[in-house]
N, C-alpha and C. Protein backbone atom coordinates (compact mmCIF):
# COMPACT_ATOMS: atom_id res chain seq x y z
N MET A 1 124.11 224.07 149.37
CA MET A 1 123.90 223.37 148.13
C MET A 1 124.83 223.97 147.04
N LEU A 2 125.55 223.03 146.36
CA LEU A 2 126.48 223.50 145.31
C LEU A 2 125.77 223.58 143.97
N LYS A 3 126.10 224.67 143.27
CA LYS A 3 125.48 224.88 141.93
C LYS A 3 126.58 224.91 140.85
N LYS A 4 126.40 224.13 139.81
CA LYS A 4 127.36 224.15 138.75
C LYS A 4 127.36 225.46 137.97
N ILE A 5 128.55 226.01 137.73
CA ILE A 5 128.62 227.24 136.94
C ILE A 5 128.62 226.82 135.45
N GLU A 6 127.47 227.03 134.81
CA GLU A 6 127.30 226.56 133.44
C GLU A 6 127.57 227.61 132.42
N LYS A 7 127.35 228.88 132.81
CA LYS A 7 127.56 229.97 131.86
C LYS A 7 128.84 230.76 132.25
N LEU A 8 129.67 231.03 131.30
CA LEU A 8 130.92 231.77 131.57
C LEU A 8 130.61 233.22 132.00
N PRO A 9 131.18 233.69 133.08
CA PRO A 9 131.02 235.11 133.43
C PRO A 9 131.63 235.98 132.33
N GLU A 10 131.17 237.23 132.22
CA GLU A 10 131.64 238.11 131.18
C GLU A 10 133.16 238.36 131.27
N TRP A 11 133.73 238.35 132.45
CA TRP A 11 135.15 238.63 132.60
C TRP A 11 136.01 237.46 132.19
N LEU A 12 135.36 236.29 131.94
CA LEU A 12 136.11 235.14 131.46
C LEU A 12 135.83 234.77 130.01
N ALA A 13 134.78 235.39 129.46
CA ALA A 13 134.34 235.02 128.10
C ALA A 13 135.44 235.15 127.06
N GLU A 14 136.19 236.25 127.11
CA GLU A 14 137.23 236.47 126.14
C GLU A 14 138.40 235.48 126.30
N SER A 15 138.65 235.06 127.55
CA SER A 15 139.78 234.17 127.85
C SER A 15 139.55 232.77 127.32
N ALA A 16 138.27 232.40 127.09
CA ALA A 16 138.00 231.05 126.64
C ALA A 16 138.63 230.68 125.31
N GLU A 17 138.89 231.73 124.53
CA GLU A 17 139.51 231.50 123.21
C GLU A 17 140.99 231.90 123.23
N GLY A 18 141.56 231.96 124.41
CA GLY A 18 142.99 232.37 124.50
C GLY A 18 143.96 231.31 124.02
N ASN A 19 145.24 231.70 124.05
CA ASN A 19 146.29 230.80 123.54
C ASN A 19 146.58 229.70 124.51
N LEU A 20 146.31 228.45 124.16
CA LEU A 20 146.58 227.30 125.04
C LEU A 20 148.09 227.15 125.32
N GLY A 21 148.90 227.67 124.43
CA GLY A 21 150.35 227.61 124.65
C GLY A 21 150.81 228.29 125.92
N THR A 22 150.13 229.40 126.22
CA THR A 22 150.47 230.12 127.43
C THR A 22 150.14 229.29 128.69
N LEU A 23 149.00 228.65 128.65
CA LEU A 23 148.61 227.75 129.75
C LEU A 23 149.59 226.61 129.97
N TRP A 24 149.96 225.98 128.82
CA TRP A 24 150.95 224.92 128.86
C TRP A 24 152.29 225.36 129.43
N GLN A 25 152.72 226.57 129.01
CA GLN A 25 154.02 227.09 129.44
C GLN A 25 154.04 227.40 130.96
N ILE A 26 152.91 227.93 131.44
CA ILE A 26 152.83 228.25 132.87
C ILE A 26 152.72 226.97 133.72
N VAL A 27 151.92 226.02 133.28
CA VAL A 27 151.82 224.77 134.01
C VAL A 27 153.15 224.05 134.07
N LYS A 28 153.88 224.07 132.95
CA LYS A 28 155.22 223.47 132.89
C LYS A 28 156.18 224.15 133.88
N ALA A 29 156.08 225.47 133.96
CA ALA A 29 156.93 226.23 134.87
C ALA A 29 156.62 225.91 136.32
N TYR A 30 155.31 225.82 136.66
CA TYR A 30 154.93 225.47 138.02
C TYR A 30 155.47 224.10 138.42
N ARG A 31 155.39 223.16 137.52
CA ARG A 31 155.88 221.80 137.75
C ARG A 31 157.39 221.80 137.92
N ALA A 32 158.06 222.55 137.08
CA ALA A 32 159.51 222.63 137.18
C ALA A 32 159.94 223.24 138.53
N ASN A 33 159.18 224.23 139.00
CA ASN A 33 159.53 224.93 140.24
C ASN A 33 159.32 224.06 141.47
N ARG A 34 158.54 222.97 141.29
CA ARG A 34 158.34 222.03 142.39
C ARG A 34 159.56 221.13 142.61
N ARG A 35 160.37 220.97 141.58
CA ARG A 35 161.50 220.04 141.65
C ARG A 35 162.57 220.53 142.60
N GLN A 36 163.12 219.64 143.37
CA GLN A 36 164.15 220.01 144.32
C GLN A 36 165.50 220.19 143.61
N GLY A 37 165.73 219.33 142.64
CA GLY A 37 166.99 219.42 141.87
C GLY A 37 168.18 219.07 142.73
N THR A 38 168.01 218.21 143.73
CA THR A 38 169.12 217.83 144.65
C THR A 38 169.73 216.48 144.31
N VAL A 39 169.22 215.79 143.30
CA VAL A 39 169.78 214.50 142.97
C VAL A 39 171.10 214.65 142.27
N GLY A 40 172.12 213.98 142.76
CA GLY A 40 173.46 214.06 142.15
C GLY A 40 174.31 212.90 142.56
N VAL A 41 175.24 212.48 141.74
CA VAL A 41 176.17 211.41 142.02
C VAL A 41 177.58 211.90 141.91
N LYS A 42 178.52 211.12 142.43
CA LYS A 42 179.92 211.52 142.41
C LYS A 42 180.56 211.04 141.10
N THR A 43 181.30 211.93 140.49
CA THR A 43 182.10 211.52 139.36
C THR A 43 183.40 210.95 139.91
N ARG A 44 184.24 210.41 139.02
CA ARG A 44 185.50 209.81 139.49
C ARG A 44 186.40 210.82 140.16
N ALA A 45 186.25 212.08 139.82
CA ALA A 45 187.08 213.14 140.42
C ALA A 45 186.63 213.41 141.86
N MET A 46 185.42 213.05 142.22
CA MET A 46 184.91 213.36 143.55
C MET A 46 185.11 212.20 144.56
N VAL A 47 185.31 211.02 144.05
CA VAL A 47 185.43 209.86 144.92
C VAL A 47 186.76 209.86 145.62
N ARG A 48 186.72 209.65 146.96
CA ARG A 48 187.94 209.62 147.74
C ARG A 48 188.45 208.15 147.75
N SER A 49 189.68 207.97 147.29
CA SER A 49 190.25 206.63 147.24
C SER A 49 191.73 206.70 147.16
N THR A 50 192.39 205.61 147.20
CA THR A 50 193.85 205.56 147.07
C THR A 50 194.26 205.80 145.60
N GLY A 51 195.45 206.25 145.40
CA GLY A 51 195.94 206.41 144.03
C GLY A 51 196.73 205.20 143.58
N LYS A 52 196.72 204.17 144.42
CA LYS A 52 197.47 202.95 144.09
C LYS A 52 196.86 202.22 142.89
N LYS A 53 197.67 201.67 142.07
CA LYS A 53 197.20 200.88 140.97
C LYS A 53 196.58 199.59 141.47
N PRO A 54 195.39 199.21 140.98
CA PRO A 54 194.70 197.99 141.55
C PRO A 54 195.52 196.74 141.44
N TYR A 55 196.18 196.54 140.33
CA TYR A 55 197.08 195.36 140.21
C TYR A 55 198.06 195.63 139.07
N GLU A 56 198.97 194.74 138.89
CA GLU A 56 200.03 194.95 137.94
C GLU A 56 199.51 195.13 136.53
N GLN A 57 200.29 195.87 135.73
CA GLN A 57 199.92 196.16 134.36
C GLN A 57 199.83 194.91 133.50
N LYS A 58 200.80 193.99 133.74
CA LYS A 58 200.88 192.78 132.87
C LYS A 58 200.77 191.52 133.72
N LYS A 59 200.64 190.43 133.02
CA LYS A 59 200.72 189.08 133.61
C LYS A 59 199.60 188.72 134.49
N THR A 60 198.41 189.42 134.38
CA THR A 60 197.26 189.02 135.21
C THR A 60 196.23 188.32 134.35
N GLY A 61 196.32 188.43 133.07
CA GLY A 61 195.34 187.83 132.19
C GLY A 61 194.06 188.68 132.06
N GLY A 62 194.01 189.81 132.75
CA GLY A 62 192.80 190.64 132.75
C GLY A 62 193.09 191.98 132.05
N ALA A 63 192.10 192.79 131.98
CA ALA A 63 192.22 194.11 131.36
C ALA A 63 193.09 195.01 132.26
N ARG A 64 193.69 195.98 131.62
CA ARG A 64 194.61 196.90 132.36
C ARG A 64 193.78 197.85 133.20
N ARG A 65 194.09 197.89 134.49
CA ARG A 65 193.37 198.79 135.41
C ARG A 65 194.36 199.76 135.99
N GLY A 66 194.11 201.06 135.96
CA GLY A 66 195.01 202.00 136.50
C GLY A 66 194.48 202.79 137.71
N SER A 67 193.17 202.57 138.06
CA SER A 67 192.61 203.35 139.13
C SER A 67 191.46 202.63 139.80
N PHE A 68 191.32 202.84 141.13
CA PHE A 68 190.19 202.27 141.86
C PHE A 68 188.90 203.10 141.66
N VAL A 69 189.04 204.36 141.20
CA VAL A 69 187.87 205.22 141.05
C VAL A 69 187.24 205.17 139.68
N SER A 70 187.71 204.28 138.85
CA SER A 70 187.12 204.15 137.50
C SER A 70 185.62 203.74 137.62
N PRO A 71 184.82 204.20 136.73
CA PRO A 71 183.40 203.78 136.72
C PRO A 71 183.20 202.29 136.58
N LEU A 72 184.23 201.59 136.14
CA LEU A 72 184.13 200.14 135.96
C LEU A 72 184.29 199.41 137.30
N HIS A 73 184.78 200.09 138.34
CA HIS A 73 184.98 199.48 139.62
C HIS A 73 183.78 199.71 140.51
N VAL A 74 183.45 198.70 141.37
CA VAL A 74 182.45 198.88 142.38
C VAL A 74 183.02 199.91 143.39
N GLY A 75 182.26 200.90 143.69
CA GLY A 75 182.72 201.98 144.59
C GLY A 75 183.39 203.11 143.90
N GLY A 76 183.54 202.97 142.58
CA GLY A 76 184.17 204.05 141.81
C GLY A 76 183.19 205.16 141.47
N GLY A 77 183.60 206.10 140.66
CA GLY A 77 182.73 207.22 140.24
C GLY A 77 181.68 206.72 139.26
N VAL A 78 180.70 207.60 138.99
CA VAL A 78 179.63 207.28 138.06
C VAL A 78 179.86 208.10 136.77
N ALA A 79 179.81 207.43 135.64
CA ALA A 79 179.96 208.14 134.34
C ALA A 79 178.63 208.64 133.89
N HIS A 80 178.55 209.92 133.50
CA HIS A 80 177.34 210.53 132.93
C HIS A 80 176.14 210.45 133.85
N GLY A 81 176.35 210.53 135.15
CA GLY A 81 175.23 210.45 136.11
C GLY A 81 174.53 211.77 136.23
N PRO A 82 173.40 211.80 136.97
CA PRO A 82 172.68 213.06 137.18
C PRO A 82 173.47 214.02 138.06
N LYS A 83 173.27 215.30 137.85
CA LYS A 83 173.95 216.32 138.67
C LYS A 83 172.93 217.26 139.27
N ALA A 84 173.18 217.72 140.48
CA ALA A 84 172.25 218.65 141.12
C ALA A 84 172.20 219.92 140.27
N ARG A 85 170.98 220.41 140.10
CA ARG A 85 170.80 221.63 139.29
C ARG A 85 169.50 222.35 139.68
N ASP A 86 169.41 223.58 139.29
CA ASP A 86 168.22 224.39 139.57
C ASP A 86 167.29 224.32 138.39
N TYR A 87 166.04 223.82 138.60
CA TYR A 87 165.12 223.68 137.51
C TYR A 87 164.13 224.86 137.40
N ARG A 88 164.28 225.83 138.27
CA ARG A 88 163.30 226.94 138.30
C ARG A 88 163.18 227.67 136.99
N GLN A 89 161.92 228.05 136.70
CA GLN A 89 161.62 228.83 135.49
C GLN A 89 160.88 230.09 135.91
N ALA A 90 161.00 231.11 135.12
CA ALA A 90 160.33 232.39 135.46
C ALA A 90 158.82 232.24 135.29
N LEU A 91 158.09 232.92 136.16
CA LEU A 91 156.61 232.95 136.10
C LEU A 91 156.13 234.42 136.05
N PRO A 92 156.18 235.01 134.84
CA PRO A 92 155.67 236.40 134.73
C PRO A 92 154.21 236.51 135.24
N GLU A 93 153.95 237.52 136.01
CA GLU A 93 152.64 237.67 136.62
C GLU A 93 151.55 237.79 135.57
N LYS A 94 151.83 238.53 134.50
CA LYS A 94 150.81 238.75 133.46
C LYS A 94 150.44 237.42 132.79
N MET A 95 151.48 236.57 132.53
CA MET A 95 151.24 235.25 131.90
C MET A 95 150.51 234.34 132.86
N ALA A 96 150.87 234.40 134.15
CA ALA A 96 150.25 233.54 135.17
C ALA A 96 148.76 233.88 135.28
N HIS A 97 148.41 235.17 135.25
CA HIS A 97 146.99 235.60 135.31
C HIS A 97 146.24 235.15 134.06
N GLN A 98 146.90 235.29 132.91
CA GLN A 98 146.27 234.88 131.66
C GLN A 98 146.02 233.38 131.68
N ALA A 99 146.98 232.62 132.18
CA ALA A 99 146.83 231.15 132.22
C ALA A 99 145.68 230.77 133.19
N LEU A 100 145.62 231.48 134.33
CA LEU A 100 144.53 231.18 135.33
C LEU A 100 143.19 231.46 134.70
N ARG A 101 143.03 232.61 134.00
CA ARG A 101 141.77 232.92 133.35
C ARG A 101 141.39 231.83 132.33
N LEU A 102 142.37 231.41 131.56
CA LEU A 102 142.14 230.37 130.53
C LEU A 102 141.74 229.03 131.20
N ALA A 103 142.44 228.67 132.28
CA ALA A 103 142.14 227.43 133.00
C ALA A 103 140.77 227.46 133.58
N LEU A 104 140.39 228.57 134.20
CA LEU A 104 139.02 228.70 134.76
C LEU A 104 137.95 228.57 133.70
N ALA A 105 138.18 229.27 132.55
CA ALA A 105 137.21 229.22 131.47
C ALA A 105 137.02 227.82 130.95
N LYS A 106 138.12 227.09 130.72
CA LYS A 106 138.06 225.72 130.19
C LYS A 106 137.34 224.78 131.15
N ARG A 107 137.65 224.91 132.46
CA ARG A 107 137.04 224.02 133.44
C ARG A 107 135.57 224.35 133.59
N MET A 108 135.21 225.65 133.49
CA MET A 108 133.76 225.98 133.60
C MET A 108 132.98 225.46 132.42
N GLN A 109 133.60 225.52 131.22
CA GLN A 109 132.96 224.98 130.02
C GLN A 109 132.77 223.46 130.15
N ALA A 110 133.69 222.83 130.85
CA ALA A 110 133.59 221.35 131.04
C ALA A 110 132.66 220.99 132.17
N GLY A 111 132.09 221.98 132.86
CA GLY A 111 131.15 221.72 133.94
C GLY A 111 131.78 221.18 135.22
N LEU A 112 133.04 221.63 135.49
CA LEU A 112 133.77 221.09 136.64
C LEU A 112 133.99 222.15 137.72
N VAL A 113 133.34 223.30 137.60
CA VAL A 113 133.43 224.36 138.61
C VAL A 113 132.09 224.56 139.25
N PHE A 114 132.07 224.57 140.60
CA PHE A 114 130.84 224.67 141.36
C PHE A 114 130.95 225.86 142.33
N GLU A 115 129.75 226.45 142.58
CA GLU A 115 129.70 227.62 143.45
C GLU A 115 128.64 227.35 144.52
N GLY A 116 128.90 227.91 145.71
CA GLY A 116 127.89 227.72 146.78
C GLY A 116 128.40 228.22 148.11
N ASN A 117 127.50 228.19 149.12
CA ASN A 117 127.89 228.60 150.44
C ASN A 117 128.67 227.44 151.08
N LEU A 118 129.91 227.70 151.41
CA LEU A 118 130.79 226.63 151.94
C LEU A 118 131.11 226.80 153.41
N ALA A 119 130.47 227.78 154.08
CA ALA A 119 130.76 227.99 155.50
C ALA A 119 130.22 226.86 156.34
N VAL A 120 131.02 226.38 157.28
CA VAL A 120 130.60 225.32 158.20
C VAL A 120 130.90 225.81 159.64
N GLU A 121 129.93 226.45 160.24
CA GLU A 121 130.17 227.06 161.55
C GLU A 121 130.26 226.04 162.64
N SER A 122 129.78 224.80 162.42
CA SER A 122 129.87 223.80 163.48
C SER A 122 131.30 223.26 163.63
N GLY A 123 132.07 223.39 162.55
CA GLY A 123 133.46 222.96 162.59
C GLY A 123 133.58 221.40 162.45
N LYS A 124 132.45 220.75 162.09
CA LYS A 124 132.46 219.29 162.01
C LYS A 124 132.78 218.85 160.54
N THR A 125 133.63 217.88 160.46
CA THR A 125 134.03 217.34 159.15
C THR A 125 132.88 216.73 158.42
N LYS A 126 131.97 216.06 159.15
CA LYS A 126 130.79 215.42 158.48
C LYS A 126 129.89 216.45 157.81
N ASP A 127 129.80 217.66 158.42
CA ASP A 127 128.98 218.70 157.80
C ASP A 127 129.63 219.24 156.52
N ALA A 128 130.94 219.36 156.54
CA ALA A 128 131.66 219.81 155.32
C ALA A 128 131.56 218.75 154.25
N ALA A 129 131.68 217.48 154.66
CA ALA A 129 131.56 216.35 153.68
C ALA A 129 130.20 216.29 153.06
N ALA A 130 129.16 216.69 153.85
CA ALA A 130 127.80 216.66 153.34
C ALA A 130 127.63 217.70 152.26
N ILE A 131 128.31 218.85 152.38
CA ILE A 131 128.24 219.86 151.31
C ILE A 131 128.87 219.38 150.01
N LEU A 132 129.97 218.66 150.13
CA LEU A 132 130.72 218.20 148.95
C LEU A 132 130.24 216.87 148.43
N LYS A 133 129.28 216.25 149.15
CA LYS A 133 128.86 214.86 148.83
C LYS A 133 128.39 214.70 147.39
N SER A 134 127.72 215.73 146.84
CA SER A 134 127.14 215.61 145.52
C SER A 134 128.20 215.54 144.41
N ILE A 135 129.43 216.04 144.66
CA ILE A 135 130.44 216.07 143.65
C ILE A 135 131.70 215.26 144.01
N PHE A 136 131.92 215.05 145.26
CA PHE A 136 133.20 214.47 145.72
C PHE A 136 132.99 213.02 146.08
N THR A 137 133.64 212.13 145.35
CA THR A 137 133.47 210.69 145.62
C THR A 137 134.69 210.10 146.37
N GLY A 138 135.61 210.97 146.75
CA GLY A 138 136.80 210.50 147.48
C GLY A 138 137.94 210.15 146.52
N VAL A 139 137.67 210.26 145.23
CA VAL A 139 138.71 209.97 144.22
C VAL A 139 139.19 211.28 143.60
N GLY A 140 140.51 211.45 143.52
CA GLY A 140 141.01 212.68 142.91
C GLY A 140 141.15 213.83 143.90
N LYS A 141 141.42 215.02 143.41
CA LYS A 141 141.64 216.17 144.23
C LYS A 141 140.56 217.21 143.97
N VAL A 142 140.07 217.82 145.03
CA VAL A 142 139.06 218.88 144.93
C VAL A 142 139.62 220.14 145.57
N ILE A 143 139.65 221.21 144.82
CA ILE A 143 140.14 222.50 145.32
C ILE A 143 138.93 223.26 145.86
N VAL A 144 139.02 223.68 147.13
CA VAL A 144 137.98 224.44 147.76
C VAL A 144 138.56 225.89 148.01
N CYS A 145 137.98 226.85 147.30
CA CYS A 145 138.52 228.23 147.38
C CYS A 145 137.59 229.05 148.28
N LEU A 146 138.17 229.53 149.39
CA LEU A 146 137.39 230.29 150.36
C LEU A 146 138.04 231.64 150.61
N SER A 147 137.19 232.66 150.76
CA SER A 147 137.68 234.00 151.07
C SER A 147 137.49 234.30 152.53
N GLU A 148 138.56 234.49 153.27
CA GLU A 148 138.50 234.80 154.70
C GLU A 148 137.59 233.86 155.46
N PRO A 149 137.88 232.57 155.42
CA PRO A 149 137.04 231.59 156.15
C PRO A 149 137.25 231.66 157.66
N SER A 150 136.24 231.24 158.38
CA SER A 150 136.41 231.23 159.85
C SER A 150 137.23 230.02 160.26
N GLU A 151 137.71 230.02 161.45
CA GLU A 151 138.57 228.94 161.96
C GLU A 151 137.77 227.64 161.98
N MET A 152 136.49 227.69 162.28
CA MET A 152 135.66 226.49 162.32
C MET A 152 135.47 225.88 160.93
N THR A 153 135.36 226.77 159.92
CA THR A 153 135.21 226.27 158.56
C THR A 153 136.47 225.58 158.07
N ILE A 154 137.64 226.18 158.42
CA ILE A 154 138.95 225.56 158.07
C ILE A 154 139.05 224.20 158.73
N ARG A 155 138.69 224.13 160.03
CA ARG A 155 138.78 222.87 160.77
C ARG A 155 137.90 221.83 160.13
N ALA A 156 136.74 222.20 159.63
CA ALA A 156 135.81 221.25 159.05
C ALA A 156 136.32 220.62 157.74
N TYR A 157 137.02 221.41 156.93
CA TYR A 157 137.44 220.92 155.63
C TYR A 157 138.83 220.23 155.65
N ARG A 158 139.68 220.67 156.60
CA ARG A 158 141.08 220.25 156.49
C ARG A 158 141.32 218.75 156.70
N ASN A 159 140.35 218.02 157.29
CA ASN A 159 140.56 216.61 157.55
C ASN A 159 140.00 215.71 156.45
N ILE A 160 139.43 216.29 155.40
CA ILE A 160 138.90 215.44 154.33
C ILE A 160 139.99 215.16 153.35
N ARG A 161 140.29 213.88 153.15
CA ARG A 161 141.38 213.49 152.24
C ARG A 161 141.00 213.87 150.80
N GLY A 162 141.93 214.53 150.11
CA GLY A 162 141.71 214.90 148.74
C GLY A 162 141.20 216.30 148.57
N VAL A 163 140.79 216.95 149.70
CA VAL A 163 140.26 218.31 149.63
C VAL A 163 141.39 219.26 150.03
N ILE A 164 141.67 220.25 149.18
CA ILE A 164 142.71 221.21 149.43
C ILE A 164 142.13 222.60 149.54
N LEU A 165 142.38 223.29 150.63
CA LEU A 165 141.85 224.63 150.85
C LEU A 165 142.83 225.65 150.29
N VAL A 166 142.31 226.60 149.53
CA VAL A 166 143.17 227.71 149.04
C VAL A 166 142.38 229.01 149.16
N SER A 167 143.12 230.10 149.24
CA SER A 167 142.49 231.42 149.21
C SER A 167 142.46 231.94 147.81
N PRO A 168 141.69 232.98 147.50
CA PRO A 168 141.69 233.53 146.12
C PRO A 168 143.07 234.00 145.65
N GLY A 169 143.88 234.44 146.56
CA GLY A 169 145.24 234.90 146.22
C GLY A 169 146.19 233.75 145.93
N GLN A 170 145.89 232.54 146.43
CA GLN A 170 146.77 231.37 146.23
C GLN A 170 146.37 230.56 145.00
N LEU A 171 145.17 230.76 144.46
CA LEU A 171 144.73 229.94 143.35
C LEU A 171 145.60 230.10 142.11
N THR A 172 146.09 229.02 141.53
CA THR A 172 146.91 229.07 140.36
C THR A 172 146.31 228.20 139.25
N ALA A 173 146.88 228.36 138.06
CA ALA A 173 146.40 227.61 136.89
C ALA A 173 146.61 226.12 137.07
N ILE A 174 147.75 225.75 137.70
CA ILE A 174 148.05 224.30 137.86
C ILE A 174 147.07 223.68 138.86
N ASP A 175 146.66 224.47 139.89
CA ASP A 175 145.64 223.94 140.84
C ASP A 175 144.36 223.62 140.13
N VAL A 176 143.96 224.52 139.26
CA VAL A 176 142.68 224.34 138.54
C VAL A 176 142.78 223.15 137.59
N MET A 177 143.89 223.04 136.88
CA MET A 177 143.97 221.97 135.89
C MET A 177 144.24 220.60 136.51
N GLU A 178 144.87 220.51 137.64
CA GLU A 178 145.19 219.22 138.25
C GLU A 178 144.05 218.70 139.15
N SER A 179 143.08 219.49 139.44
CA SER A 179 142.01 219.08 140.33
C SER A 179 140.87 218.46 139.52
N ARG A 180 140.17 217.54 140.19
CA ARG A 180 138.99 216.95 139.54
C ARG A 180 137.82 217.96 139.50
N HIS A 181 137.67 218.73 140.56
CA HIS A 181 136.62 219.75 140.63
C HIS A 181 137.18 220.97 141.37
N LEU A 182 136.62 222.12 141.05
CA LEU A 182 136.94 223.38 141.77
C LEU A 182 135.64 223.88 142.37
N VAL A 183 135.69 224.11 143.70
CA VAL A 183 134.50 224.60 144.39
C VAL A 183 134.84 225.95 144.99
N VAL A 184 134.03 226.98 144.68
CA VAL A 184 134.35 228.31 145.13
C VAL A 184 133.16 228.92 145.85
N ALA A 185 133.46 229.73 146.85
CA ALA A 185 132.42 230.54 147.52
C ALA A 185 132.21 231.78 146.67
N PRO A 186 130.98 232.34 146.68
CA PRO A 186 130.75 233.55 145.87
C PRO A 186 131.72 234.68 146.13
N ALA A 187 132.03 234.91 147.43
CA ALA A 187 132.97 235.97 147.77
C ALA A 187 134.36 235.68 147.21
N ALA A 188 134.75 234.38 147.19
CA ALA A 188 136.07 233.99 146.72
C ALA A 188 136.14 234.23 145.20
N LEU A 189 135.03 233.92 144.49
CA LEU A 189 135.00 234.12 143.03
C LEU A 189 135.15 235.62 142.69
N SER A 190 134.48 236.50 143.47
CA SER A 190 134.62 237.92 143.28
C SER A 190 136.06 238.39 143.56
N ALA A 191 136.65 237.79 144.56
CA ALA A 191 138.03 238.16 144.88
C ALA A 191 138.98 237.69 143.76
N VAL A 192 138.76 236.57 143.17
CA VAL A 192 139.55 236.09 142.03
C VAL A 192 139.40 237.04 140.85
N GLN A 193 138.18 237.46 140.61
CA GLN A 193 137.89 238.40 139.51
C GLN A 193 138.64 239.70 139.75
N THR A 194 138.60 240.20 140.93
CA THR A 194 139.32 241.46 141.26
C THR A 194 140.86 241.29 141.10
N ARG A 195 141.35 240.17 141.50
CA ARG A 195 142.78 239.87 141.37
C ARG A 195 143.23 239.82 139.89
N LEU A 196 142.40 239.18 139.05
CA LEU A 196 142.77 238.99 137.65
C LEU A 196 142.48 240.27 136.84
N ALA A 197 141.71 241.20 137.39
CA ALA A 197 141.43 242.45 136.68
C ALA A 197 142.59 243.43 136.72
N LYS A 198 143.55 243.18 137.65
CA LYS A 198 144.64 244.10 137.85
C LYS A 198 145.61 244.05 136.65
């Protein structure tokens, strides 16, 4: 049975009034770090083509053309197009921990964090779904945080669409903010507290 965490734990009480700018900055950095940055087009200098003039300078009745690789030509280079680049931003550990504390505090205040026994020793998906039935409608993303789960428990949860399994060491501020609900096992919550206390 899942129980909503209605009262902020003492270790999160101070974080509830933290700087939201830190949370925004860390979430922005996580999203930037997801980008591949591989989109790019060829400029006219990169296009392989002949150096021959397309047609005569005069007596055509058209504009003067001096190159096949001009952006005005089909198959030519692209002017001011996107270039491959690295979008990665730094994620200082202290800021990441502060953002995670703030995200957890805000979601708990909104009544979106639940705690309970999440072990499913049968390994059956229907048993795992029965545990989440009270909060999970199949819409949105639900983060399930487990500390050292058994193989059968992992098997039970991994086939439910929209449910994402994370360990206490993997939980991030963007996971908490982008999910519809966060469900944690008591041992996992203690592990998160230990991690954030460092």
